[in-house]
């Protein structure tokens, strides 16, 4: 089961520096809404092929 979230996060893209993104993110195979921003950072980073430390979640809320 997947869940959709409205998110704002900053991704560190190396030489390009940090870039802020906002929009809809769909996370596959989620049974519960993540409550820890570090977990959400890991999930987003995995999808972007980044390390979890390179993603900082600023805001997220589940879309119904």
N, C-alpha and C. Protein backbone atom coordinates (compact mmCIF):
# COMPACT_ATOMS: atom_id res chain seq x y z
N UNK A 1 0.85 -1.18 0.00
CA UNK A 1 0.00 0.00 0.00
C UNK A 1 0.89 1.24 0.00
N UNK A 2 0.59 2.19 -0.84
CA UNK A 2 1.38 3.42 -0.87
C UNK A 2 0.60 4.55 -0.23
N UNK A 3 1.33 5.58 0.20
CA UNK A 3 0.74 6.77 0.79
C UNK A 3 1.30 7.99 0.08
N UNK A 4 0.46 9.00 -0.05
CA UNK A 4 0.90 10.26 -0.64
C UNK A 4 0.99 11.31 0.45
N UNK A 5 2.06 12.11 0.36
CA UNK A 5 2.31 13.18 1.32
C UNK A 5 2.62 14.46 0.57
N UNK A 6 2.18 15.58 1.16
CA UNK A 6 2.68 16.87 0.72
C UNK A 6 3.92 17.10 1.57
N UNK A 7 5.06 17.34 0.94
CA UNK A 7 6.31 17.50 1.68
C UNK A 7 7.06 18.73 1.22
N UNK A 8 7.85 19.25 2.16
CA UNK A 8 8.87 20.26 1.88
C UNK A 8 10.16 19.71 2.45
N UNK A 9 11.19 19.64 1.62
CA UNK A 9 12.46 19.16 2.12
C UNK A 9 13.60 19.81 1.37
N UNK A 10 14.77 19.76 1.98
CA UNK A 10 16.00 20.28 1.38
C UNK A 10 16.88 19.09 1.07
N UNK A 11 17.38 19.03 -0.16
CA UNK A 11 18.30 17.98 -0.57
C UNK A 11 19.65 18.62 -0.88
N UNK A 12 20.70 18.08 -0.26
CA UNK A 12 22.06 18.55 -0.53
C UNK A 12 22.56 17.83 -1.77
N UNK A 13 22.77 18.58 -2.83
CA UNK A 13 23.14 17.98 -4.11
C UNK A 13 24.62 18.16 -4.42
N UNK A 14 25.45 18.12 -3.39
CA UNK A 14 26.90 18.20 -3.59
C UNK A 14 27.33 19.57 -4.05
N UNK A 15 27.95 19.65 -5.21
CA UNK A 15 28.50 20.91 -5.70
C UNK A 15 27.43 21.95 -5.98
N UNK A 16 26.20 21.51 -6.20
CA UNK A 16 25.10 22.44 -6.45
C UNK A 16 24.56 23.04 -5.15
N UNK A 17 24.94 22.47 -4.01
CA UNK A 17 24.46 22.95 -2.73
C UNK A 17 23.07 22.42 -2.41
N UNK A 18 22.45 23.01 -1.41
CA UNK A 18 21.12 22.58 -0.99
C UNK A 18 20.04 23.17 -1.87
N UNK A 19 19.04 22.36 -2.19
CA UNK A 19 17.90 22.85 -2.97
C UNK A 19 16.64 22.44 -2.24
N UNK A 20 15.70 23.36 -2.15
CA UNK A 20 14.44 23.08 -1.47
C UNK A 20 13.40 22.62 -2.48
N UNK A 21 12.69 21.59 -2.10
CA UNK A 21 11.64 21.03 -2.93
C UNK A 21 10.34 21.02 -2.14
N UNK A 22 9.24 21.15 -2.85
CA UNK A 22 7.93 20.98 -2.22
C UNK A 22 7.00 20.35 -3.25
N UNK A 23 6.12 19.52 -2.75
CA UNK A 23 5.17 18.87 -3.65
C UNK A 23 4.72 17.54 -3.10
N UNK A 24 4.12 16.76 -3.97
CA UNK A 24 3.57 15.47 -3.59
C UNK A 24 4.65 14.40 -3.71
N UNK A 25 4.79 13.60 -2.67
CA UNK A 25 5.70 12.47 -2.65
C UNK A 25 4.87 11.23 -2.36
N UNK A 26 5.04 10.19 -3.15
CA UNK A 26 4.34 8.94 -2.93
C UNK A 26 5.33 7.91 -2.44
N UNK A 27 5.06 7.34 -1.27
CA UNK A 27 5.93 6.34 -0.68
C UNK A 27 5.27 4.98 -0.78
N UNK A 28 5.96 4.05 -1.39
CA UNK A 28 5.44 2.69 -1.56
C UNK A 28 5.61 1.88 -0.29
N UNK A 29 4.72 0.91 -0.14
CA UNK A 29 4.78 -0.09 0.92
C UNK A 29 4.82 0.50 2.33
N UNK A 30 4.06 1.55 2.57
CA UNK A 30 3.98 2.12 3.90
C UNK A 30 2.67 1.70 4.55
N UNK A 31 2.78 1.12 5.73
CA UNK A 31 1.58 0.69 6.46
C UNK A 31 1.12 1.73 7.45
N UNK A 32 2.05 2.59 7.89
CA UNK A 32 1.71 3.63 8.85
C UNK A 32 2.31 4.95 8.38
N UNK A 33 1.74 6.03 8.87
CA UNK A 33 2.28 7.35 8.56
C UNK A 33 3.58 7.52 9.36
N UNK A 34 4.69 7.83 8.70
CA UNK A 34 5.94 8.05 9.43
C UNK A 34 5.80 9.24 10.37
N UNK A 35 6.21 9.06 11.61
CA UNK A 35 6.15 10.15 12.59
C UNK A 35 7.52 10.73 12.89
N UNK A 36 8.56 10.05 12.47
CA UNK A 36 9.93 10.49 12.71
C UNK A 36 10.48 11.09 11.41
N UNK A 37 10.87 12.37 11.44
CA UNK A 37 11.38 12.98 10.21
C UNK A 37 12.63 12.30 9.67
N UNK A 38 13.40 11.64 10.53
CA UNK A 38 14.60 10.93 10.05
C UNK A 38 14.20 9.74 9.18
N UNK A 39 13.12 9.06 9.54
CA UNK A 39 12.64 7.94 8.73
C UNK A 39 12.17 8.44 7.37
N UNK A 40 11.42 9.52 7.38
CA UNK A 40 10.95 10.09 6.12
C UNK A 40 12.13 10.56 5.27
N UNK A 41 13.15 11.13 5.89
CA UNK A 41 14.36 11.53 5.17
C UNK A 41 15.02 10.33 4.51
N UNK A 42 15.08 9.21 5.23
CA UNK A 42 15.67 7.99 4.67
C UNK A 42 14.89 7.51 3.45
N UNK A 43 13.57 7.52 3.56
CA UNK A 43 12.74 7.04 2.46
C UNK A 43 12.87 7.92 1.22
N UNK A 44 12.87 9.23 1.41
CA UNK A 44 13.02 10.16 0.29
C UNK A 44 14.42 10.04 -0.30
N UNK A 45 15.43 9.97 0.56
CA UNK A 45 16.81 9.86 0.09
C UNK A 45 17.01 8.60 -0.74
N UNK A 46 16.42 7.50 -0.30
CA UNK A 46 16.56 6.25 -1.04
C UNK A 46 16.01 6.40 -2.46
N UNK A 47 14.85 7.05 -2.58
CA UNK A 47 14.25 7.24 -3.90
C UNK A 47 15.05 8.19 -4.78
N UNK A 48 15.81 9.11 -4.16
CA UNK A 48 16.62 10.07 -4.92
C UNK A 48 18.07 9.62 -5.06
N UNK A 49 18.38 8.42 -4.59
CA UNK A 49 19.75 7.88 -4.61
C UNK A 49 20.73 8.80 -3.88
N UNK A 50 20.29 9.29 -2.72
CA UNK A 50 21.12 10.12 -1.85
C UNK A 50 21.28 9.43 -0.51
N UNK A 51 22.22 9.91 0.29
CA UNK A 51 22.34 9.44 1.66
C UNK A 51 21.31 10.15 2.51
N UNK A 52 20.86 9.50 3.56
CA UNK A 52 19.82 10.07 4.43
C UNK A 52 20.26 11.41 5.02
N UNK A 53 21.56 11.57 5.27
CA UNK A 53 22.06 12.83 5.84
C UNK A 53 21.95 14.00 4.86
N UNK A 54 21.74 13.68 3.59
CA UNK A 54 21.66 14.73 2.56
C UNK A 54 20.24 15.25 2.35
N UNK A 55 19.29 14.72 3.09
CA UNK A 55 17.89 15.15 2.98
C UNK A 55 17.40 15.60 4.34
N UNK A 56 16.86 16.82 4.39
CA UNK A 56 16.28 17.33 5.63
C UNK A 56 14.81 17.66 5.36
N UNK A 57 13.92 16.95 6.03
CA UNK A 57 12.49 17.18 5.86
C UNK A 57 12.09 18.39 6.70
N UNK A 58 11.42 19.35 6.07
CA UNK A 58 10.96 20.55 6.76
C UNK A 58 9.51 20.43 7.21
N UNK A 59 8.69 19.78 6.37
CA UNK A 59 7.26 19.66 6.67
C UNK A 59 6.70 18.50 5.86
N UNK A 60 5.76 17.78 6.44
CA UNK A 60 5.04 16.75 5.69
C UNK A 60 3.68 16.54 6.31
N UNK A 61 2.72 16.23 5.45
CA UNK A 61 1.38 15.88 5.91
C UNK A 61 0.78 14.92 4.89
N UNK A 62 0.05 13.97 5.39
CA UNK A 62 -0.52 12.95 4.54
C UNK A 62 -1.71 13.51 3.76
N UNK A 63 -1.80 13.13 2.52
CA UNK A 63 -2.95 13.48 1.70
C UNK A 63 -3.97 12.36 1.81
N UNK A 64 -5.22 12.71 1.88
CA UNK A 64 -6.27 11.69 2.01
C UNK A 64 -6.91 11.40 0.68
